[in-house]
Amino acid sequence: MLYSKWERRTTKDKEAAENSAKNCTSHTESQVVTDANLRIWLGLTPTPIGTAPPFYLEVAGRHQMPVLQGISSIEPSTELVTFSARLKTAPAGNSVVHFYENDRNFGRIFSSPNSAVTSISRFRAVITPDPTLFVESAEHFRIFSIWRSRAIGAYLEFRGLSVIPNIRWTTDSDLEAALAGIGQGRVIAVSNLGCYRSKYEKESFRSGLKEIISHLNPSQTVLYGTTDSAIQQVVNTRSSLMHQKAATQLYFEGSAKNG
């Protein structure tokens, strides 16, 4: 079984973490976390990676993935807005910011997280960053990319924003890290943009998605990209699928209709 060797938090562990969080409440409310603090923690400076987090943080699993509280639901009519378009988009009450775009468009969320908090806080919620994972990359690098995305999500929650975890993986070996610290029955987000073309890619994505749905039992699953009957069958067994086509898909569909 894929999950047989995973570290699972016991009830006692959870109670201890909750008690610790209560004891830290007064401290975290007055904590001031600078971008410099965050850059050191995120490994963006010459300081060795592994520096203690600059705010109270619960972690889970052998990779010490930051835990996200997440949210229980979003409106079916929710609109997804790219991070790069957030400043020129008038937020509706149920719109959500996402990072399913070119990595160069959201580097600022890692280098200057505080500057993005105010603009993102105008929206209903934010999906955690989606840095590109390459199957050719070393496993430890992919895990670090997953960790860094989750770390930003944890910080945004610390600042009071509603956060939806983005689950990104390239192979089954990534799933342990990708799922650690994500609660049961919460909203999750996935994307197959650019990686759902060949027969192998489709089978691989559906296989991983099936494990994710089985493990997390999400209340809602946001899919950015392409859907089909096979994906719908996988998700709708235990969750509710919310699909949004990528901007590139909508552009080419519009061009085809007009051309």
C-alpha atoms as a PDB file:
ATOM      1  CA  MET A   1       0.000   0.000   0.000  1.00  0.00           C
ATOM      2  CA  LEU A   2       1.217   3.480  -0.814  1.00  0.00           C
ATOM      3  CA  TYR A   3       0.517   4.853   2.634  1.00  0.00           C
ATOM      4  CA  SER A   4       1.495   1.906   4.846  1.00  0.00           C
ATOM      5  CA  LYS A   5       4.748   3.476   6.061  1.00  0.00           C
ATOM      6  CA  TRP A   6       3.523   7.010   6.457  1.00  0.00           C
ATOM      7  CA  GLU A   7       3.787   8.716   9.800  1.00  0.00           C
ATOM      8  CA  ARG A   8       0.325   9.387  11.103  1.00  0.00           C
ATOM      9  CA  ARG A   9      -0.427  11.771  13.916  1.00  0.00           C
ATOM     10  CA  THR A  10      -2.156  10.079  16.806  1.00  0.00           C
ATOM     11  CA  THR A  11      -4.956  11.635  18.830  1.00  0.00           C
ATOM     12  CA  LYS A  12      -2.425  12.294  21.556  1.00  0.00           C
ATOM     13  CA  ASP A  13      -0.140  14.091  19.085  1.00  0.00           C
ATOM     14  CA  LYS A  14      -3.016  16.268  17.885  1.00  0.00           C
ATOM     15  CA  GLU A  15      -4.022  17.172  21.449  1.00  0.00           C
ATOM     16  CA  ALA A  16      -0.459  18.116  22.263  1.00  0.00           C
ATOM     17  CA  ALA A  17      -0.249  20.312  19.152  1.00  0.00           C
ATOM     18  CA  GLU A  18      -3.562  21.998  19.976  1.00  0.00           C
ATOM     19  CA  ASN A  19      -2.440  22.713  23.541  1.00  0.00           C
ATOM     20  CA  SER A  20       0.815  24.098  22.216  1.00  0.00           C
ATOM     21  CA  ALA A  21      -1.059  26.325  19.785  1.00  0.00           C
ATOM     22  CA  LYS A  22      -3.241  27.678  22.600  1.00  0.00           C
ATOM     23  CA  ASN A  23      -0.176  28.464  24.666  1.00  0.00           C
ATOM     24  CA  CYS A  24       1.357  30.309  21.721  1.00  0.00           C
ATOM     25  CA  THR A  25      -1.728  32.368  20.857  1.00  0.00           C
ATOM     26  CA  SER A  26      -0.750  35.484  22.743  1.00  0.00           C
ATOM     27  CA  HIS A  27       2.737  35.282  21.279  1.00  0.00           C
ATOM     28  CA  THR A  28       1.712  34.853  17.646  1.00  0.00           C
ATOM     29  CA  GLU A  29      -0.824  37.664  17.773  1.00  0.00           C
ATOM     30  CA  SER A  30       1.965  40.149  18.495  1.00  0.00           C
ATOM     31  CA  GLN A  31       4.569  38.528  16.249  1.00  0.00           C
ATOM     32  CA  VAL A  32       6.003  40.641  13.452  1.00  0.00           C
ATOM     33  CA  VAL A  33       7.436  38.539  10.649  1.00  0.00           C
ATOM     34  CA  THR A  34       9.508  40.366   8.048  1.00  0.00           C
ATOM     35  CA  ASP A  35      10.215  39.340   4.469  1.00  0.00           C
ATOM     36  CA  ALA A  36      13.864  38.957   5.487  1.00  0.00           C
ATOM     37  CA  ASN A  37      12.842  36.432   8.166  1.00  0.00           C
ATOM     38  CA  LEU A  38      10.785  34.530   5.609  1.00  0.00           C
ATOM     39  CA  ARG A  39      13.475  34.538   2.918  1.00  0.00           C
ATOM     40  CA  ILE A  40      15.923  32.945   5.338  1.00  0.00           C
ATOM     41  CA  TRP A  41      13.382  30.300   6.340  1.00  0.00           C
ATOM     42  CA  LEU A  42      12.428  29.585   2.713  1.00  0.00           C
ATOM     43  CA  GLY A  43      16.057  29.042   1.727  1.00  0.00           C
ATOM     44  CA  LEU A  44      16.322  32.127  -0.499  1.00  0.00           C
ATOM     45  CA  THR A  45      19.474  33.450   1.175  1.00  0.00           C
ATOM     46  CA  PRO A  46      22.949  31.959   1.767  1.00  0.00           C
ATOM     47  CA  THR A  47      21.780  31.020   5.279  1.00  0.00           C
ATOM     48  CA  PRO A  48      21.558  27.205   5.493  1.00  0.00           C
ATOM     49  CA  ILE A  49      18.114  25.732   4.903  1.00  0.00           C
ATOM     50  CA  GLY A  50      16.630  24.397   8.111  1.00  0.00           C
ATOM     51  CA  THR A  51      16.334  27.656  10.003  1.00  0.00           C
ATOM     52  CA  ALA A  52      13.488  27.585  12.522  1.00  0.00           C
ATOM     53  CA  PRO A  53      10.212  29.074  11.237  1.00  0.00           C
ATOM     54  CA  PRO A  54       9.718  32.748  12.204  1.00  0.00           C
ATOM     55  CA  PHE A  55       6.164  32.073  13.441  1.00  0.00           C
ATOM     56  CA  TYR A  56       4.347  29.268  15.256  1.00  0.00           C
ATOM     57  CA  LEU A  57       4.024  26.306  12.928  1.00  0.00           C
ATOM     58  CA  GLU A  58       2.716  22.760  13.217  1.00  0.00           C
ATOM     59  CA  VAL A  59       4.284  20.165  10.928  1.00  0.00           C
ATOM     60  CA  ALA A  60       3.420  16.605   9.929  1.00  0.00           C
ATOM     61  CA  GLY A  61       5.102  13.597   8.325  1.00  0.00           C
ATOM     62  CA  ARG A  62       8.746  12.646   8.012  1.00  0.00           C
ATOM     63  CA  HIS A  63       9.354  15.598   5.671  1.00  0.00           C
ATOM     64  CA  GLN A  64       7.943  17.998   8.307  1.00  0.00           C
ATOM     65  CA  MET A  65       5.398  19.512   5.968  1.00  0.00           C
ATOM     66  CA  PRO A  66       3.616  22.599   7.344  1.00  0.00           C
ATOM     67  CA  VAL A  67       0.065  21.776   8.396  1.00  0.00           C
ATOM     68  CA  LEU A  68      -2.786  23.717   6.791  1.00  0.00           C
ATOM     69  CA  GLN A  69      -6.188  24.170   8.402  1.00  0.00           C
ATOM     70  CA  GLY A  70      -7.831  24.818   5.033  1.00  0.00           C
ATOM     71  CA  ILE A  71     -11.501  25.635   4.508  1.00  0.00           C
ATOM     72  CA  SER A  72     -14.572  23.431   4.389  1.00  0.00           C
ATOM     73  CA  SER A  73     -16.285  24.799   1.276  1.00  0.00           C
ATOM     74  CA  ILE A  74     -16.445  27.437  -1.447  1.00  0.00           C
ATOM     75  CA  GLU A  75     -19.321  28.527  -3.645  1.00  0.00           C
ATOM     76  CA  PRO A  76     -19.886  26.512  -6.851  1.00  0.00           C
ATOM     77  CA  SER A  77     -19.773  29.791  -8.786  1.00  0.00           C
ATOM     78  CA  THR A  78     -16.304  30.639  -7.463  1.00  0.00           C
ATOM     79  CA  GLU A  79     -14.085  32.402 -10.010  1.00  0.00           C
ATOM     80  CA  LEU A  80     -10.344  31.670 -10.093  1.00  0.00           C
ATOM     81  CA  VAL A  81      -8.031  34.666 -10.578  1.00  0.00           C
ATOM     82  CA  THR A  82      -4.312  34.343 -11.380  1.00  0.00           C
ATOM     83  CA  PHE A  83      -1.867  35.838  -8.896  1.00  0.00           C
ATOM     84  CA  SER A  84      -0.420  38.086 -11.613  1.00  0.00           C
ATOM     85  CA  ALA A  85      -3.885  39.513 -12.376  1.00  0.00           C
ATOM     86  CA  ARG A  86      -4.950  40.103  -8.783  1.00  0.00           C
ATOM     87  CA  LEU A  87      -4.122  43.830  -8.743  1.00  0.00           C
ATOM     88  CA  LYS A  88      -6.194  44.597 -11.838  1.00  0.00           C
ATOM     89  CA  THR A  89      -9.104  42.365 -10.896  1.00  0.00           C
ATOM     90  CA  ALA A  90     -12.018  43.625  -8.870  1.00  0.00           C
ATOM     91  CA  PRO A  91     -12.597  40.748  -6.456  1.00  0.00           C
ATOM     92  CA  ALA A  92     -16.061  39.291  -6.217  1.00  0.00           C
ATOM     93  CA  GLY A  93     -17.121  37.944  -2.857  1.00  0.00           C
ATOM     94  CA  ASN A  94     -16.312  34.382  -3.866  1.00  0.00           C
ATOM     95  CA  SER A  95     -13.248  34.736  -6.142  1.00  0.00           C
ATOM     96  CA  VAL A  96     -10.066  32.829  -5.306  1.00  0.00           C
ATOM     97  CA  VAL A  97      -6.449  33.636  -6.194  1.00  0.00           C
ATOM     98  CA  HIS A  98      -4.378  30.835  -7.765  1.00  0.00           C
ATOM     99  CA  PHE A  99      -0.845  30.279  -9.111  1.00  0.00           C
ATOM    100  CA  TYR A 100      -1.530  28.080 -12.133  1.00  0.00           C
ATOM    101  CA  GLU A 101       0.610  30.199 -14.424  1.00  0.00           C
ATOM    102  CA  ASN A 102       4.237  30.623 -15.450  1.00  0.00           C
ATOM    103  CA  ASP A 103       6.547  30.455 -12.426  1.00  0.00           C
ATOM    104  CA  ARG A 104       8.147  33.794 -13.294  1.00  0.00           C
ATOM    105  CA  ASN A 105       4.789  35.485 -12.680  1.00  0.00           C
ATOM    106  CA  PHE A 106       4.673  34.643  -8.987  1.00  0.00           C
ATOM    107  CA  GLY A 107       8.274  34.644  -7.775  1.00  0.00           C
ATOM    108  CA  ARG A 108       7.360  37.600  -5.588  1.00  0.00           C
ATOM    109  CA  ILE A 109       5.193  35.440  -3.334  1.00  0.00           C
ATOM    110  CA  PHE A 110       8.404  33.736  -2.162  1.00  0.00           C
ATOM    111  CA  SER A 111      10.732  36.739  -2.080  1.00  0.00           C
ATOM    112  CA  SER A 112       8.303  39.302  -0.607  1.00  0.00           C
ATOM    113  CA  PRO A 113       5.309  37.486   0.882  1.00  0.00           C
ATOM    114  CA  ASN A 114       4.198  40.393   3.057  1.00  0.00           C
ATOM    115  CA  SER A 115       3.751  42.708   0.093  1.00  0.00           C
ATOM    116  CA  ALA A 116       1.253  40.244  -1.404  1.00  0.00           C
ATOM    117  CA  VAL A 117      -0.825  39.663   1.714  1.00  0.00           C
ATOM    118  CA  THR A 118      -2.906  42.843   1.463  1.00  0.00           C
ATOM    119  CA  SER A 119      -3.831  42.354  -2.187  1.00  0.00           C
ATOM    120  CA  ILE A 120      -4.644  38.672  -1.718  1.00  0.00           C
ATOM    121  CA  SER A 121      -6.696  39.300   1.423  1.00  0.00           C
ATOM    122  CA  ARG A 122      -9.326  41.076  -0.697  1.00  0.00           C
ATOM    123  CA  PHE A 123     -10.340  37.709  -2.126  1.00  0.00           C
ATOM    124  CA  ARG A 124     -12.358  34.846  -0.633  1.00  0.00           C
ATOM    125  CA  ALA A 125      -9.336  32.548  -0.435  1.00  0.00           C
ATOM    126  CA  VAL A 126      -5.998  31.714  -2.005  1.00  0.00           C
ATOM    127  CA  ILE A 127      -4.712  28.425  -3.425  1.00  0.00           C
ATOM    128  CA  THR A 128      -1.120  27.677  -2.413  1.00  0.00           C
ATOM    129  CA  PRO A 129       1.623  28.318  -5.020  1.00  0.00           C
ATOM    130  CA  ASP A 130       2.180  25.868  -7.854  1.00  0.00           C
ATOM    131  CA  PRO A 131       5.899  25.814  -8.677  1.00  0.00           C
ATOM    132  CA  THR A 132       6.756  23.563 -11.606  1.00  0.00           C
ATOM    133  CA  LEU A 133       7.871  20.048 -10.672  1.00  0.00           C
ATOM    134  CA  PHE A 134       9.975  18.169 -13.197  1.00  0.00           C
ATOM    135  CA  VAL A 135       9.971  14.394 -13.140  1.00  0.00           C
ATOM    136  CA  GLU A 136      13.663  14.524 -14.098  1.00  0.00           C
ATOM    137  CA  SER A 137      14.505  16.519 -10.959  1.00  0.00           C
ATOM    138  CA  ALA A 138      15.964  14.811  -7.916  1.00  0.00           C
ATOM    139  CA  GLU A 139      13.302  13.705  -5.449  1.00  0.00           C
ATOM    140  CA  HIS A 140      14.648  15.902  -2.662  1.00  0.00           C
ATOM    141  CA  PHE A 141      14.323  18.958  -4.924  1.00  0.00           C
ATOM    142  CA  ARG A 142      10.700  18.137  -5.738  1.00  0.00           C
ATOM    143  CA  ILE A 143       9.955  17.661  -2.043  1.00  0.00           C
ATOM    144  CA  PHE A 144      11.570  21.007  -1.236  1.00  0.00           C
ATOM    145  CA  SER A 145       9.394  22.701  -3.872  1.00  0.00           C
ATOM    146  CA  ILE A 146       6.296  21.128  -2.307  1.00  0.00           C
ATOM    147  CA  TRP A 147       7.467  22.159   1.166  1.00  0.00           C
ATOM    148  CA  ARG A 148       8.116  25.757   0.133  1.00  0.00           C
ATOM    149  CA  SER A 149       4.659  26.083  -1.418  1.00  0.00           C
ATOM    150  CA  ARG A 150       3.097  24.688   1.750  1.00  0.00           C
ATOM    151  CA  ALA A 151       5.227  26.992   3.902  1.00  0.00           C
ATOM    152  CA  ILE A 152       3.832  30.021   2.099  1.00  0.00           C
ATOM    153  CA  GLY A 153       0.321  28.667   2.629  1.00  0.00           C
ATOM    154  CA  ALA A 154       0.990  28.259   6.347  1.00  0.00           C
ATOM    155  CA  TYR A 155       2.256  31.824   6.576  1.00  0.00           C
ATOM    156  CA  LEU A 156      -0.788  33.168   4.745  1.00  0.00           C
ATOM    157  CA  GLU A 157      -3.006  31.308   7.215  1.00  0.00           C
ATOM    158  CA  PHE A 158      -0.943  32.793  10.049  1.00  0.00           C
ATOM    159  CA  ARG A 159      -1.783  36.213   8.600  1.00  0.00           C
ATOM    160  CA  GLY A 160      -5.491  35.360   8.678  1.00  0.00           C
ATOM    161  CA  LEU A 161      -6.155  34.393   5.045  1.00  0.00           C
ATOM    162  CA  SER A 162      -8.278  31.427   3.980  1.00  0.00           C
ATOM    163  CA  VAL A 163      -6.042  28.925   2.217  1.00  0.00           C
ATOM    164  CA  ILE A 164      -6.763  26.019  -0.128  1.00  0.00           C
ATOM    165  CA  PRO A 165      -3.915  23.514  -0.518  1.00  0.00           C
ATOM    166  CA  ASN A 166      -2.719  22.858  -4.046  1.00  0.00           C
ATOM    167  CA  ILE A 167      -1.736  19.197  -4.433  1.00  0.00           C
ATOM    168  CA  ARG A 168       1.035  18.881  -6.996  1.00  0.00           C
ATOM    169  CA  TRP A 169       2.928  15.696  -7.796  1.00  0.00           C
ATOM    170  CA  THR A 170       4.850  14.141 -10.695  1.00  0.00           C
ATOM    171  CA  THR A 171       5.183  10.529  -9.507  1.00  0.00           C
ATOM    172  CA  ASP A 172       3.607   8.427  -6.773  1.00  0.00           C
ATOM    173  CA  SER A 173       6.712   8.968  -4.643  1.00  0.00           C
ATOM    174  CA  ASP A 174       5.785  12.674  -4.336  1.00  0.00           C
ATOM    175  CA  LEU A 175       2.405  11.938  -2.784  1.00  0.00           C
ATOM    176  CA  GLU A 176       3.694  11.274   0.726  1.00  0.00           C
ATOM    177  CA  ALA A 177       5.044  14.812   0.958  1.00  0.00           C
ATOM    178  CA  ALA A 178       2.187  16.361  -1.033  1.00  0.00           C
ATOM    179  CA  LEU A 179      -0.511  14.974   1.280  1.00  0.00           C
ATOM    180  CA  ALA A 180       1.176  15.294   4.671  1.00  0.00           C
ATOM    181  CA  GLY A 181      -0.462  17.925   6.852  1.00  0.00           C
ATOM    182  CA  ILE A 182      -3.646  18.252   4.767  1.00  0.00           C
ATOM    183  CA  GLY A 183      -6.831  17.679   6.748  1.00  0.00           C
ATOM    184  CA  GLN A 184      -9.693  15.368   5.883  1.00  0.00           C
ATOM    185  CA  GLY A 185     -12.880  16.734   4.373  1.00  0.00           C
ATOM    186  CA  ARG A 186     -11.466  20.102   3.291  1.00  0.00           C
ATOM    187  CA  VAL A 187     -11.337  21.862  -0.074  1.00  0.00           C
ATOM    188  CA  ILE A 188      -8.309  20.946  -2.199  1.00  0.00           C
ATOM    189  CA  ALA A 189      -7.068  22.078  -5.608  1.00  0.00           C
ATOM    190  CA  VAL A 190      -5.241  20.250  -8.402  1.00  0.00           C
ATOM    191  CA  SER A 191      -4.214  21.073 -11.946  1.00  0.00           C
ATOM    192  CA  ASN A 192      -3.288  19.004 -14.983  1.00  0.00           C
ATOM    193  CA  LEU A 193      -2.457  21.992 -17.162  1.00  0.00           C
ATOM    194  CA  GLY A 194       0.231  20.930 -19.616  1.00  0.00           C
ATOM    195  CA  CYS A 195       0.474  17.391 -18.263  1.00  0.00           C
ATOM    196  CA  TYR A 196      -2.679  15.688 -19.533  1.00  0.00           C
ATOM    197  CA  ARG A 197      -1.911  15.024 -23.163  1.00  0.00           C
ATOM    198  CA  SER A 198      -0.398  11.581 -23.739  1.00  0.00           C
ATOM    199  CA  LYS A 199      -2.000   8.324 -22.673  1.00  0.00           C
ATOM    200  CA  TYR A 200       0.712   7.871 -20.028  1.00  0.00           C
ATOM    201  CA  GLU A 201       0.172  11.375 -18.613  1.00  0.00           C
ATOM    202  CA  LYS A 202      -3.572  10.848 -18.386  1.00  0.00           C
ATOM    203  CA  GLU A 203      -3.242   7.475 -16.658  1.00  0.00           C
ATOM    204  CA  SER A 204      -0.612   8.838 -14.273  1.00  0.00           C
ATOM    205  CA  PHE A 205      -2.712  11.872 -13.345  1.00  0.00           C
ATOM    206  CA  ARG A 206      -5.869   9.843 -12.774  1.00  0.00           C
ATOM    207  CA  SER A 207      -3.965   7.286 -10.701  1.00  0.00           C
ATOM    208  CA  GLY A 208      -2.477   9.957  -8.439  1.00  0.00           C
ATOM    209  CA  LEU A 209      -5.789  11.777  -8.179  1.00  0.00           C
ATOM    210  CA  LYS A 210      -7.497   8.580  -7.104  1.00  0.00           C
ATOM    211  CA  GLU A 211      -4.997   8.158  -4.252  1.00  0.00           C
ATOM    212  CA  ILE A 212      -5.477  11.788  -3.219  1.00  0.00           C
ATOM    213  CA  ILE A 213      -9.270  11.551  -3.141  1.00  0.00           C
ATOM    214  CA  SER A 214      -9.126   8.242  -1.268  1.00  0.00           C
ATOM    215  CA  HIS A 215      -6.702   9.595   1.323  1.00  0.00           C
ATOM    216  CA  LEU A 216      -8.199  13.044   1.949  1.00  0.00           C
ATOM    217  CA  ASN A 217     -11.928  12.620   1.257  1.00  0.00           C
ATOM    218  CA  PRO A 218     -12.074  16.300   0.244  1.00  0.00           C
ATOM    219  CA  SER A 219     -15.376  18.129   0.485  1.00  0.00           C
ATOM    220  CA  GLN A 220     -14.655  19.808  -2.866  1.00  0.00           C
ATOM    221  CA  THR A 221     -11.939  19.338  -5.464  1.00  0.00           C
ATOM    222  CA  VAL A 222     -11.037  22.329  -7.616  1.00  0.00           C
ATOM    223  CA  LEU A 223      -9.565  21.244 -10.966  1.00  0.00           C
ATOM    224  CA  TYR A 224      -7.820  23.825 -13.126  1.00  0.00           C
ATOM    225  CA  GLY A 225      -7.225  22.493 -16.612  1.00  0.00           C
ATOM    226  CA  THR A 226      -8.817  19.588 -18.438  1.00  0.00           C
ATOM    227  CA  THR A 227     -11.544  17.245 -17.265  1.00  0.00           C
ATOM    228  CA  ASP A 228     -13.198  14.190 -18.779  1.00  0.00           C
ATOM    229  CA  SER A 229     -15.539  11.419 -17.728  1.00  0.00           C
ATOM    230  CA  ALA A 230     -12.688   9.381 -16.182  1.00  0.00           C
ATOM    231  CA  ILE A 231     -11.620  12.265 -13.931  1.00  0.00           C
ATOM    232  CA  GLN A 232     -15.213  13.019 -12.999  1.00  0.00           C
ATOM    233  CA  GLN A 233     -15.732   9.405 -12.005  1.00  0.00           C
ATOM    234  CA  VAL A 234     -12.606   9.435  -9.818  1.00  0.00           C
ATOM    235  CA  VAL A 235     -13.523  12.650  -8.017  1.00  0.00           C
ATOM    236  CA  ASN A 236     -17.276  12.284  -7.666  1.00  0.00           C
ATOM    237  CA  THR A 237     -16.995   8.986  -5.776  1.00  0.00           C
ATOM    238  CA  ARG A 238     -15.984  10.862  -2.607  1.00  0.00           C
ATOM    239  CA  SER A 239     -15.910  14.563  -3.446  1.00  0.00           C
ATOM    240  CA  SER A 240     -17.530  17.288  -5.508  1.00  0.00           C
ATOM    241  CA  LEU A 241     -15.688  18.427  -8.629  1.00  0.00           C
ATOM    242  CA  MET A 242     -15.360  22.121  -9.448  1.00  0.00           C
ATOM    243  CA  HIS A 243     -13.761  22.530 -12.862  1.00  0.00           C
ATOM    244  CA  GLN A 244     -12.327  25.661 -14.429  1.00  0.00           C
ATOM    245  CA  LYS A 245     -10.674  25.667 -17.822  1.00  0.00           C
ATOM    246  CA  ALA A 246      -7.265  27.291 -18.109  1.00  0.00           C
ATOM    247  CA  ALA A 247      -7.020  30.737 -19.671  1.00  0.00           C
ATOM    248  CA  THR A 248      -5.108  29.295 -22.628  1.00  0.00           C
ATOM    249  CA  GLN A 249      -7.854  26.752 -23.244  1.00  0.00           C
ATOM    250  CA  LEU A 250     -10.520  29.454 -23.220  1.00  0.00           C
ATOM    251  CA  TYR A 251      -8.434  31.604 -25.572  1.00  0.00           C
ATOM    252  CA  PHE A 252      -7.977  28.864 -28.158  1.00  0.00           C
ATOM    253  CA  GLU A 253     -11.608  27.779 -27.908  1.00  0.00           C
ATOM    254  CA  GLY A 254     -12.657  31.367 -28.506  1.00  0.00           C
ATOM    255  CA  SER A 255     -10.288  31.661 -31.456  1.00  0.00           C
ATOM    256  CA  ALA A 256     -11.669  28.454 -32.956  1.00  0.00           C
ATOM    257  CA  LYS A 257     -15.251  29.681 -32.655  1.00  0.00           C
ATOM    258  CA  ASN A 258     -14.418  33.064 -34.133  1.00  0.00           C
ATOM    259  CA  GLY A 259     -12.143  31.752 -36.825  1.00  0.00           C
END
